[in-house]
Protein backbone atom coordinates (compact mmCIF):
# COMPACT_ATOMS: atom_id res chain seq x y z
CA MET A 1 -9.61 52.34 -9.68
CA ASN A 2 -9.47 49.63 -12.14
CA THR A 3 -12.97 48.07 -12.11
CA ASN A 4 -11.96 45.58 -14.67
CA LEU A 5 -10.01 43.56 -12.20
CA PRO A 6 -11.53 40.28 -11.04
CA GLY A 7 -13.00 40.26 -7.55
CA THR A 8 -10.26 37.92 -6.18
CA ALA A 9 -7.41 39.89 -7.87
CA ILE A 10 -6.24 41.38 -4.34
CA ARG A 11 -7.51 38.71 -2.12
CA VAL A 12 -5.07 37.85 0.73
CA GLU A 13 -4.49 33.96 0.46
CA ARG A 14 -4.58 32.13 3.81
CA PRO A 15 -1.81 29.72 4.45
CA THR A 16 -2.73 26.31 4.24
CA LYS A 17 -1.18 25.13 7.46
CA THR A 18 -1.21 27.19 10.87
CA LEU A 19 1.87 28.29 12.66
CA ARG A 20 1.37 25.46 14.97
CA GLU A 21 1.08 22.79 12.41
CA LEU A 22 4.29 24.23 10.59
CA ALA A 23 6.22 24.15 14.08
CA LEU A 24 4.80 20.48 14.56
CA ASP A 25 6.04 19.26 11.15
CA LYS A 26 9.45 21.00 11.80
CA VAL A 27 10.04 19.33 15.15
CA ARG A 28 8.64 16.05 14.15
CA ASP A 29 10.99 15.80 10.91
CA ALA A 30 13.97 16.97 13.14
CA ILE A 31 13.24 13.96 15.26
CA VAL A 32 12.73 11.53 12.49
CA ASP A 33 15.68 12.71 10.53
CA GLY A 34 18.07 12.46 13.57
CA TYR A 35 18.67 16.21 14.18
CA PHE A 36 17.37 15.41 17.86
CA LYS A 37 18.59 12.12 18.95
CA PRO A 38 16.74 9.62 21.38
CA GLY A 39 17.36 10.82 24.84
CA ASP A 40 18.00 14.40 23.84
CA ARG A 41 16.20 17.12 26.09
CA LEU A 42 13.81 19.27 24.43
CA VAL A 43 14.11 22.54 26.11
CA GLU A 44 11.24 24.97 25.53
CA ARG A 45 13.36 28.05 25.52
CA ASP A 46 15.78 26.76 22.96
CA LEU A 47 12.88 25.40 20.75
CA CYS A 48 11.15 28.81 20.81
CA ALA A 49 14.50 30.48 19.67
CA LYS A 50 15.05 27.76 16.98
CA LEU A 51 11.53 27.77 15.56
CA GLY A 52 10.73 31.44 16.05
CA VAL A 53 7.37 30.72 17.74
CA SER A 54 5.76 31.34 21.13
CA ARG A 55 6.14 29.04 24.16
CA THR A 56 2.52 28.13 24.09
CA ILE A 57 2.96 26.78 20.44
CA VAL A 58 6.20 24.85 21.49
CA ARG A 59 4.26 23.30 24.51
CA GLU A 60 1.25 22.25 22.13
CA VAL A 61 3.67 20.74 19.77
CA LEU A 62 5.49 18.83 22.53
CA ARG A 63 2.18 17.45 23.72
CA HIS A 64 1.19 16.48 20.35
CA LEU A 65 4.44 14.56 19.64
CA GLU A 66 4.24 12.97 23.05
CA SER A 67 0.78 11.50 21.90
CA GLU A 68 2.59 10.23 18.80
CA GLY A 69 5.16 8.54 20.88
CA LEU A 70 8.10 10.58 19.75
CA VAL A 71 8.49 12.56 22.98
CA ALA A 72 8.38 11.54 26.56
CA THR A 73 8.24 13.53 29.67
CA LEU A 74 10.33 12.53 32.50
CA PRO A 75 10.04 13.69 36.09
CA ASN A 76 12.59 16.36 37.03
CA LYS A 77 13.92 16.43 33.47
CA GLY A 78 11.11 17.46 31.26
CA PRO A 79 10.45 16.46 27.57
CA ILE A 80 12.93 14.38 25.78
CA VAL A 81 13.01 12.59 22.58
CA ALA A 82 11.60 9.13 23.21
CA ARG A 83 13.60 5.98 23.08
CA LEU A 84 11.97 3.09 21.42
CA GLU A 85 12.21 -0.14 23.24
CA LEU A 86 12.66 -3.41 21.51
CA LYS A 87 9.44 -5.06 22.71
CA GLU A 88 7.46 -1.89 21.90
CA ALA A 89 8.93 -1.79 18.27
CA LYS A 90 8.04 -5.53 17.86
CA GLN A 91 4.44 -4.74 18.77
CA ILE A 92 4.36 -1.78 16.38
CA TYR A 93 5.36 -3.84 13.44
CA GLU A 94 3.14 -6.77 14.29
CA ILE A 95 -0.07 -4.31 14.24
CA ARG A 96 1.29 -2.75 11.08
CA ALA A 97 1.88 -5.96 9.37
CA ALA A 98 -1.73 -7.18 10.14
CA LEU A 99 -3.21 -4.04 8.83
CA GLU A 100 -1.01 -4.06 5.79
CA GLY A 101 -2.09 -7.69 5.05
CA MET A 102 -5.76 -6.64 5.27
CA ALA A 103 -5.25 -3.77 2.77
CA ALA A 104 -3.08 -5.87 0.37
CA ARG A 105 -5.90 -8.70 0.32
CA LEU A 106 -8.61 -5.95 -0.27
CA CYS A 107 -6.56 -4.44 -3.05
CA ALA A 108 -6.07 -7.80 -4.73
CA GLU A 109 -9.81 -8.56 -4.32
CA GLN A 110 -10.59 -5.40 -6.34
CA ARG A 111 -8.68 -6.59 -9.51
CA ASP A 112 -8.59 -2.87 -10.40
CA PRO A 113 -5.73 -1.98 -12.96
CA ALA A 114 -5.60 1.69 -11.68
CA ILE A 115 -4.64 0.28 -8.25
CA ALA A 116 -2.02 -2.00 -9.68
CA ASP A 117 -0.64 0.89 -11.68
CA ALA A 118 -0.58 3.19 -8.80
CA LEU A 119 1.20 0.60 -6.54
CA GLN A 120 3.70 -0.23 -9.30
CA ALA A 121 4.51 3.59 -10.01
CA SER A 122 5.28 3.93 -6.11
CA LEU A 123 7.22 0.79 -6.07
CA GLU A 124 9.48 2.15 -9.00
CA ASP A 125 9.97 5.23 -7.01
CA ILE A 126 11.22 3.31 -4.05
CA ARG A 127 13.63 1.28 -6.22
CA LYS A 128 15.00 4.36 -7.80
CA SER A 129 15.65 6.04 -4.44
CA TYR A 130 17.33 2.87 -3.24
CA ALA A 131 19.45 2.48 -6.37
CA ALA A 132 20.61 6.08 -5.83
CA LYS A 133 21.25 5.60 -2.10
CA ASP A 134 18.65 8.24 -1.34
CA MET A 135 17.32 6.94 2.10
CA PRO A 136 15.05 9.90 3.01
CA GLY A 137 13.70 9.15 -0.58
CA VAL A 138 13.22 5.53 0.30
CA LEU A 139 11.27 6.47 3.49
CA SER A 140 9.11 9.01 1.75
CA HIS A 141 8.10 6.76 -1.29
CA THR A 142 7.53 3.74 1.06
CA SER A 143 5.01 5.90 3.03
CA ALA A 144 3.41 6.99 -0.29
CA PHE A 145 3.07 3.33 -1.37
CA TYR A 146 1.22 2.25 1.66
CA HIS A 147 -1.11 5.43 1.54
CA THR A 148 -2.03 4.18 -1.82
CA LEU A 149 -2.62 0.65 -0.59
CA PHE A 150 -5.11 1.84 2.06
CA THR A 151 -6.83 4.74 0.56
CA LYS A 152 -7.55 2.92 -2.69
CA VAL A 153 -9.75 0.47 -0.87
CA GLU A 154 -11.17 3.28 1.22
CA ARG A 155 -9.72 2.06 4.61
CA HIS A 156 -9.21 5.52 6.00
CA VAL A 157 -9.80 4.49 9.60
CA ALA A 158 -7.05 1.89 9.31
CA TRP A 159 -4.80 4.30 7.28
CA GLY A 160 -5.17 6.67 10.17
CA VAL A 161 -4.05 4.14 12.72
CA VAL A 162 -1.14 3.17 10.39
CA ASN A 163 -0.13 6.71 9.93
CA LEU A 164 0.31 7.20 13.71
CA LEU A 165 2.44 3.91 13.55
CA THR A 166 4.15 5.18 10.60
CA VAL A 167 5.73 8.14 12.47
CA ARG A 168 7.25 5.92 14.94
CA ILE A 169 8.34 3.31 12.37
CA ASN A 170 10.04 6.03 10.31
CA HIS A 171 11.92 7.36 13.50
CA LEU A 172 12.95 3.70 14.12
CA ARG A 173 13.84 3.25 10.39
CA SER A 174 15.85 6.65 10.38
CA MET A 175 18.08 5.37 13.21
CA THR A 176 18.70 1.93 11.40
CA ILE A 177 19.29 3.56 8.08
CA LYS A 178 22.18 5.54 9.69
CA THR A 179 23.82 2.41 10.95
CA LYS A 180 26.10 0.02 9.02
CA ASN A 181 22.97 -2.06 8.14
CA ARG A 182 21.29 0.89 6.38
CA ASN A 183 21.26 -0.79 2.89
CA VAL A 184 19.81 -3.99 4.29
CA ASP A 185 17.12 -1.88 5.98
CA ALA A 186 16.29 -0.05 2.86
CA HIS A 187 16.37 -3.40 0.78
CA ASP A 188 13.72 -4.71 3.27
CA HIS A 189 11.34 -1.71 2.21
CA VAL A 190 11.80 -2.59 -1.41
CA THR A 191 11.31 -6.26 -0.75
CA ASN A 192 7.98 -5.82 1.42
CA ALA A 193 6.56 -3.40 -1.21
CA SER A 194 7.43 -5.65 -4.11
CA SER A 195 5.79 -8.63 -2.53
CA ILE A 196 2.52 -6.71 -2.14
CA ALA A 197 2.61 -5.28 -5.61
CA VAL A 198 3.16 -8.80 -6.86
CA ALA A 199 0.42 -10.20 -5.07
CA VAL A 200 -2.14 -7.28 -6.22
CA LEU A 201 -0.64 -7.63 -9.99
CA SER A 202 -1.07 -11.55 -9.76
CA ALA A 203 -4.68 -11.38 -8.72
CA GLN A 204 -5.55 -8.81 -11.26
CA GLN A 205 -4.04 -11.01 -14.15
CA THR A 206 -5.80 -13.95 -12.79
CA GLY A 207 -9.04 -12.13 -12.85
CA GLU A 208 -8.63 -10.95 -16.44
């Protein structure tokens, strides 16, 4: 036996995510990306076969997604991909806008060049994805932008709330992005992020 090997040389690395978490990510992404459409039935047996996991895990995943508002359970029909009503979507955007406004104000008050630089970098990523017509990239970088906005001012509770809303907003965005107005929708993400970044940058420059 080679005694010169470090003690961790043959250690078995544990996966960073459990099988349940991996299955949850897969089904959530399948809904947000439009693989499963609003109103589609989510049959446990079919999901078990597609994911390669047990029925217990599938049931846990569906319950979790129901708590996120992506899945609804109908009497005599079972789980389906939830349909987002217009009034509900309006409320989600209103709450999100209020929290974003709070975070943007706090970022501006910090007058921290590191925050401004981080927001600017995320904004450039959004613009590049938009120019390349990479709509999944627009969604991903938009989420990264807002993650920076909230976490840089240590508003982790607010970010947790926004994160739950973001899942549903991304589902709504993915549906609108696939319509004839997808460029308008993506442009809105660029415009909204730009206005926040400008406000933070302006506050920083005023404080210098």
